[in-house]
Amino acid sequence: MSRVAPISEAHAEPAAREELQRQRLAHGRVTNMKLTLAHSPIALDALMQWYPLHDAVARFLGERATTLFVHAISAQTDCLICSTFFRRLLIEAGEDPDSLKLNETERAVVDYGRQLVVDANRVSDELYARLESFLKPAQIVELTAFGAIMIATNAFNNALRVDLDEYLQPFRRKGTPADG
């Protein structure tokens, strides 16, 4: 059960209401996370920066590696909402999220995402060199900022126990508690 109930769009401040409308137009729905964030337009705006960072990263990594990166972060933080969302994308792309086949680039990106969660102070020189072998400095900066905002999104969902959206229920990893 969510600690902060999602706000109705009608009761959101105008700036939040505008962003929610943009999200509905872009994605066909407004999620529980976004409706919870909408209690504060500035918080909603901050975490919606995920989208431009996603687009920047996807341009140089591609969609699959980008999804693998955020799935790894979300699974490592044990964020039910985000890990289930990215499981859904992988499943809909014909993949088994519990048995992924990764190339060297994807393995480096997944390892980096997990390490950002576990302890960003301990990103090894070896792991950084793996990234540096195929990414430019600006790309590493964008990837790291994208990872950081993904971690922030996961922390938000976990701390406030935001409820899993109904449309994601069929994509839950087996063995996850029904109440999240």
C-alpha atoms as a PDB file:
ATOM      1  CA  MET A   1       0.000   0.000   0.000  1.00  0.00           C
ATOM      2  CA  SER A   2       1.408   3.320  -1.075  1.00  0.00           C
ATOM      3  CA  ARG A   3       2.507   5.691   1.684  1.00  0.00           C
ATOM      4  CA  VAL A   4       1.401   8.698  -0.384  1.00  0.00           C
ATOM      5  CA  ALA A   5      -1.755   8.221  -2.391  1.00  0.00           C
ATOM      6  CA  PRO A   6      -1.515   9.244  -6.030  1.00  0.00           C
ATOM      7  CA  ILE A   7      -3.079  12.646  -6.573  1.00  0.00           C
ATOM      8  CA  SER A   8      -5.952  13.028  -8.994  1.00  0.00           C
ATOM      9  CA  GLU A   9      -5.022  15.081 -12.015  1.00  0.00           C
ATOM     10  CA  ALA A  10      -7.853  17.495 -11.214  1.00  0.00           C
ATOM     11  CA  HIS A  11      -6.262  18.317  -7.831  1.00  0.00           C
ATOM     12  CA  ALA A  12      -2.688  18.683  -9.112  1.00  0.00           C
ATOM     13  CA  GLU A  13      -1.144  22.139  -9.438  1.00  0.00           C
ATOM     14  CA  PRO A  14      -1.280  23.522 -12.988  1.00  0.00           C
ATOM     15  CA  ALA A  15       2.404  22.797 -13.759  1.00  0.00           C
ATOM     16  CA  ALA A  16       2.021  19.180 -12.615  1.00  0.00           C
ATOM     17  CA  ARG A  17      -1.267  18.826 -14.475  1.00  0.00           C
ATOM     18  CA  GLU A  18       0.419  20.008 -17.706  1.00  0.00           C
ATOM     19  CA  GLU A  19       3.222  17.470 -17.285  1.00  0.00           C
ATOM     20  CA  LEU A  20       0.743  14.676 -16.573  1.00  0.00           C
ATOM     21  CA  GLN A  21      -1.134  15.583 -19.754  1.00  0.00           C
ATOM     22  CA  ARG A  22       2.153  15.463 -21.723  1.00  0.00           C
ATOM     23  CA  GLN A  23       2.887  12.046 -20.235  1.00  0.00           C
ATOM     24  CA  ARG A  24      -0.588  10.764 -21.123  1.00  0.00           C
ATOM     25  CA  LEU A  25      -0.190  11.968 -24.718  1.00  0.00           C
ATOM     26  CA  ALA A  26       3.305  10.493 -25.037  1.00  0.00           C
ATOM     27  CA  HIS A  27       2.685   7.161 -23.311  1.00  0.00           C
ATOM     28  CA  GLY A  28      -1.054   6.591 -23.332  1.00  0.00           C
ATOM     29  CA  ARG A  29      -1.312   6.523 -19.553  1.00  0.00           C
ATOM     30  CA  VAL A  30      -0.179   8.221 -16.376  1.00  0.00           C
ATOM     31  CA  THR A  31       1.417   5.841 -13.897  1.00  0.00           C
ATOM     32  CA  ASN A  32       1.004   5.664 -10.126  1.00  0.00           C
ATOM     33  CA  MET A  33       4.579   6.936  -9.766  1.00  0.00           C
ATOM     34  CA  LYS A  34       3.856  10.052 -11.837  1.00  0.00           C
ATOM     35  CA  LEU A  35       0.585  10.706 -10.024  1.00  0.00           C
ATOM     36  CA  THR A  36       2.446  10.424  -6.710  1.00  0.00           C
ATOM     37  CA  LEU A  37       5.219  12.725  -7.928  1.00  0.00           C
ATOM     38  CA  ALA A  38       2.533  15.212  -9.043  1.00  0.00           C
ATOM     39  CA  HIS A  39       2.002  16.231  -5.414  1.00  0.00           C
ATOM     40  CA  SER A  40       5.094  18.362  -6.091  1.00  0.00           C
ATOM     41  CA  PRO A  41       5.550  19.879  -9.563  1.00  0.00           C
ATOM     42  CA  ILE A  42       9.286  20.372  -8.952  1.00  0.00           C
ATOM     43  CA  ALA A  43       9.752  16.717  -7.943  1.00  0.00           C
ATOM     44  CA  LEU A  44       7.763  15.593 -10.971  1.00  0.00           C
ATOM     45  CA  ASP A  45       9.865  17.793 -13.244  1.00  0.00           C
ATOM     46  CA  ALA A  46      13.127  16.518 -11.734  1.00  0.00           C
ATOM     47  CA  LEU A  47      12.381  12.844 -12.288  1.00  0.00           C
ATOM     48  CA  MET A  48      10.832  13.426 -15.715  1.00  0.00           C
ATOM     49  CA  GLN A  49      14.349  14.376 -16.851  1.00  0.00           C
ATOM     50  CA  TRP A  50      14.687  10.594 -17.159  1.00  0.00           C
ATOM     51  CA  TYR A  51      13.121  10.857 -20.624  1.00  0.00           C
ATOM     52  CA  PRO A  52      15.635  13.218 -22.301  1.00  0.00           C
ATOM     53  CA  LEU A  53      18.511  11.294 -20.696  1.00  0.00           C
ATOM     54  CA  HIS A  54      17.014   8.018 -21.930  1.00  0.00           C
ATOM     55  CA  ASP A  55      16.807   9.405 -25.456  1.00  0.00           C
ATOM     56  CA  ALA A  56      20.420  10.629 -25.338  1.00  0.00           C
ATOM     57  CA  VAL A  57      21.712   7.277 -24.072  1.00  0.00           C
ATOM     58  CA  ALA A  58      19.606   5.245 -26.510  1.00  0.00           C
ATOM     59  CA  ARG A  59      21.141   7.204 -29.399  1.00  0.00           C
ATOM     60  CA  PHE A  60      24.613   5.807 -28.644  1.00  0.00           C
ATOM     61  CA  LEU A  61      23.815   2.511 -26.877  1.00  0.00           C
ATOM     62  CA  GLY A  62      20.695   1.473 -28.757  1.00  0.00           C
ATOM     63  CA  GLU A  63      17.345   0.603 -27.183  1.00  0.00           C
ATOM     64  CA  ARG A  64      18.235  -2.930 -26.060  1.00  0.00           C
ATOM     65  CA  ALA A  65      21.421  -1.992 -24.182  1.00  0.00           C
ATOM     66  CA  THR A  66      19.665   1.033 -22.681  1.00  0.00           C
ATOM     67  CA  THR A  67      16.822  -1.172 -21.431  1.00  0.00           C
ATOM     68  CA  LEU A  68      19.312  -3.720 -20.091  1.00  0.00           C
ATOM     69  CA  PHE A  69      21.103  -0.926 -18.181  1.00  0.00           C
ATOM     70  CA  VAL A  70      17.982   0.393 -16.451  1.00  0.00           C
ATOM     71  CA  HIS A  71      16.637  -3.105 -15.858  1.00  0.00           C
ATOM     72  CA  ALA A  72      19.915  -4.028 -14.119  1.00  0.00           C
ATOM     73  CA  ILE A  73      19.709  -0.923 -11.912  1.00  0.00           C
ATOM     74  CA  SER A  74      16.047  -1.514 -11.074  1.00  0.00           C
ATOM     75  CA  ALA A  75      16.586  -5.194 -10.290  1.00  0.00           C
ATOM     76  CA  GLN A  76      19.605  -4.326  -8.117  1.00  0.00           C
ATOM     77  CA  THR A  77      17.597  -1.759  -6.127  1.00  0.00           C
ATOM     78  CA  ASP A  78      14.724  -4.252  -5.894  1.00  0.00           C
ATOM     79  CA  CYS A  79      12.289  -1.675  -7.285  1.00  0.00           C
ATOM     80  CA  LEU A  80       9.147  -3.625  -8.081  1.00  0.00           C
ATOM     81  CA  ILE A  81       7.673  -0.963 -10.357  1.00  0.00           C
ATOM     82  CA  CYS A  82      10.734  -0.225 -12.473  1.00  0.00           C
ATOM     83  CA  SER A  83      12.104  -3.765 -12.660  1.00  0.00           C
ATOM     84  CA  THR A  84       8.653  -5.001 -13.713  1.00  0.00           C
ATOM     85  CA  PHE A  85       8.307  -2.208 -16.273  1.00  0.00           C
ATOM     86  CA  PHE A  86      11.643  -3.125 -17.882  1.00  0.00           C
ATOM     87  CA  ARG A  87      10.856  -6.859 -17.652  1.00  0.00           C
ATOM     88  CA  ARG A  88       7.761  -6.029 -19.658  1.00  0.00           C
ATOM     89  CA  LEU A  89       9.813  -4.315 -22.368  1.00  0.00           C
ATOM     90  CA  LEU A  90      12.210  -7.253 -22.561  1.00  0.00           C
ATOM     91  CA  ILE A  91       9.399  -9.831 -22.666  1.00  0.00           C
ATOM     92  CA  GLU A  92       7.529  -7.877 -25.327  1.00  0.00           C
ATOM     93  CA  ALA A  93      10.771  -7.837 -27.359  1.00  0.00           C
ATOM     94  CA  GLY A  94      10.779 -11.652 -27.204  1.00  0.00           C
ATOM     95  CA  GLU A  95      13.436 -12.021 -24.493  1.00  0.00           C
ATOM     96  CA  ASP A  96      13.547 -13.923 -21.224  1.00  0.00           C
ATOM     97  CA  PRO A  97      14.647 -11.353 -18.608  1.00  0.00           C
ATOM     98  CA  ASP A  98      15.747 -14.189 -16.312  1.00  0.00           C
ATOM     99  CA  SER A  99      18.092 -15.677 -18.926  1.00  0.00           C
ATOM    100  CA  LEU A 100      19.530 -12.839 -20.990  1.00  0.00           C
ATOM    101  CA  LYS A 101      22.280 -13.356 -23.542  1.00  0.00           C
ATOM    102  CA  LEU A 102      24.656 -10.388 -23.384  1.00  0.00           C
ATOM    103  CA  ASN A 103      27.528  -9.334 -25.620  1.00  0.00           C
ATOM    104  CA  GLU A 104      30.639  -7.660 -24.158  1.00  0.00           C
ATOM    105  CA  THR A 105      29.228  -4.141 -24.511  1.00  0.00           C
ATOM    106  CA  GLU A 106      25.927  -5.086 -22.886  1.00  0.00           C
ATOM    107  CA  ARG A 107      27.739  -6.939 -20.077  1.00  0.00           C
ATOM    108  CA  ALA A 108      29.839  -3.827 -19.350  1.00  0.00           C
ATOM    109  CA  VAL A 109      26.733  -1.615 -19.282  1.00  0.00           C
ATOM    110  CA  VAL A 110      24.828  -4.046 -17.024  1.00  0.00           C
ATOM    111  CA  ASP A 111      27.809  -4.417 -14.691  1.00  0.00           C
ATOM    112  CA  TYR A 112      28.168  -0.636 -14.518  1.00  0.00           C
ATOM    113  CA  GLY A 113      24.491  -0.145 -13.702  1.00  0.00           C
ATOM    114  CA  ARG A 114      24.635  -2.706 -10.910  1.00  0.00           C
ATOM    115  CA  GLN A 115      27.840  -1.217  -9.511  1.00  0.00           C
ATOM    116  CA  LEU A 116      26.316   2.272  -9.429  1.00  0.00           C
ATOM    117  CA  VAL A 117      23.670   0.847  -7.105  1.00  0.00           C
ATOM    118  CA  VAL A 118      25.938  -1.325  -4.959  1.00  0.00           C
ATOM    119  CA  ASP A 119      28.639   1.302  -4.402  1.00  0.00           C
ATOM    120  CA  ALA A 120      29.435   4.001  -6.941  1.00  0.00           C
ATOM    121  CA  ASN A 121      32.648   4.751  -5.024  1.00  0.00           C
ATOM    122  CA  ARG A 122      33.914   1.312  -6.002  1.00  0.00           C
ATOM    123  CA  VAL A 123      33.550   1.421  -9.792  1.00  0.00           C
ATOM    124  CA  SER A 124      36.775  -0.399 -10.597  1.00  0.00           C
ATOM    125  CA  ASP A 125      39.373   0.830 -13.058  1.00  0.00           C
ATOM    126  CA  GLU A 126      38.780  -2.404 -14.990  1.00  0.00           C
ATOM    127  CA  LEU A 127      35.049  -1.741 -15.317  1.00  0.00           C
ATOM    128  CA  TYR A 128      35.630   1.890 -16.264  1.00  0.00           C
ATOM    129  CA  ALA A 129      38.161   0.791 -18.917  1.00  0.00           C
ATOM    130  CA  ARG A 130      35.559  -1.564 -20.364  1.00  0.00           C
ATOM    131  CA  LEU A 131      33.162   1.396 -20.764  1.00  0.00           C
ATOM    132  CA  GLU A 132      35.886   3.670 -22.061  1.00  0.00           C
ATOM    133  CA  SER A 133      36.708   1.141 -24.792  1.00  0.00           C
ATOM    134  CA  PHE A 134      33.424   1.929 -26.587  1.00  0.00           C
ATOM    135  CA  LEU A 135      32.109   5.179 -25.084  1.00  0.00           C
ATOM    136  CA  LYS A 136      33.341   8.772 -25.361  1.00  0.00           C
ATOM    137  CA  PRO A 137      33.658  10.860 -22.172  1.00  0.00           C
ATOM    138  CA  ALA A 138      30.400  12.760 -22.891  1.00  0.00           C
ATOM    139  CA  GLN A 139      28.605   9.435 -23.333  1.00  0.00           C
ATOM    140  CA  ILE A 140      29.950   8.106 -20.032  1.00  0.00           C
ATOM    141  CA  VAL A 141      28.725  11.312 -18.371  1.00  0.00           C
ATOM    142  CA  GLU A 142      25.251  10.902 -19.886  1.00  0.00           C
ATOM    143  CA  LEU A 143      25.123   7.197 -19.014  1.00  0.00           C
ATOM    144  CA  THR A 144      26.142   7.925 -15.415  1.00  0.00           C
ATOM    145  CA  ALA A 145      23.606  10.750 -15.042  1.00  0.00           C
ATOM    146  CA  PHE A 146      20.928   8.492 -16.535  1.00  0.00           C
ATOM    147  CA  GLY A 147      21.871   5.762 -14.057  1.00  0.00           C
ATOM    148  CA  ALA A 148      21.728   8.240 -11.188  1.00  0.00           C
ATOM    149  CA  ILE A 149      18.243   9.424 -12.124  1.00  0.00           C
ATOM    150  CA  MET A 150      17.146   5.790 -12.496  1.00  0.00           C
ATOM    151  CA  ILE A 151      18.412   5.115  -8.977  1.00  0.00           C
ATOM    152  CA  ALA A 152      16.533   8.198  -7.751  1.00  0.00           C
ATOM    153  CA  THR A 153      13.347   6.948  -9.418  1.00  0.00           C
ATOM    154  CA  ASN A 154      13.790   3.550  -7.782  1.00  0.00           C
ATOM    155  CA  ALA A 155      14.450   5.136  -4.379  1.00  0.00           C
ATOM    156  CA  PHE A 156      11.293   7.235  -4.736  1.00  0.00           C
ATOM    157  CA  ASN A 157       9.144   4.205  -5.572  1.00  0.00           C
ATOM    158  CA  ASN A 158      10.668   2.045  -2.845  1.00  0.00           C
ATOM    159  CA  ALA A 159      10.613   4.616  -0.032  1.00  0.00           C
ATOM    160  CA  LEU A 160       7.024   5.649  -0.706  1.00  0.00           C
ATOM    161  CA  ARG A 161       5.926   2.100  -1.582  1.00  0.00           C
ATOM    162  CA  VAL A 162       4.239   3.303  -4.738  1.00  0.00           C
ATOM    163  CA  ASP A 163       1.752   0.676  -5.896  1.00  0.00           C
ATOM    164  CA  LEU A 164       2.514  -1.377  -8.980  1.00  0.00           C
ATOM    165  CA  ASP A 165       0.343  -0.284 -11.893  1.00  0.00           C
ATOM    166  CA  GLU A 166      -2.298  -2.832 -12.842  1.00  0.00           C
ATOM    167  CA  TYR A 167      -1.066  -3.153 -16.436  1.00  0.00           C
ATOM    168  CA  LEU A 168       2.309  -4.409 -15.131  1.00  0.00           C
ATOM    169  CA  GLN A 169       0.897  -7.238 -12.986  1.00  0.00           C
ATOM    170  CA  PRO A 170       1.275  -9.942 -15.671  1.00  0.00           C
ATOM    171  CA  PHE A 171       4.995  -9.136 -16.015  1.00  0.00           C
ATOM    172  CA  ARG A 172       5.964  -9.531 -12.352  1.00  0.00           C
ATOM    173  CA  ARG A 173       8.947 -11.762 -11.689  1.00  0.00           C
ATOM    174  CA  LYS A 174       7.812 -15.063 -10.228  1.00  0.00           C
ATOM    175  CA  GLY A 175       8.148 -15.122  -6.462  1.00  0.00           C
ATOM    176  CA  THR A 176       7.659 -11.388  -5.845  1.00  0.00           C
ATOM    177  CA  PRO A 177       5.168 -10.708  -3.041  1.00  0.00           C
ATOM    178  CA  ALA A 178       1.690  -9.794  -4.298  1.00  0.00           C
ATOM    179  CA  ASP A 179       1.688  -6.532  -2.349  1.00  0.00           C
ATOM    180  CA  GLY A 180       5.067  -5.447  -3.691  1.00  0.00           C
END
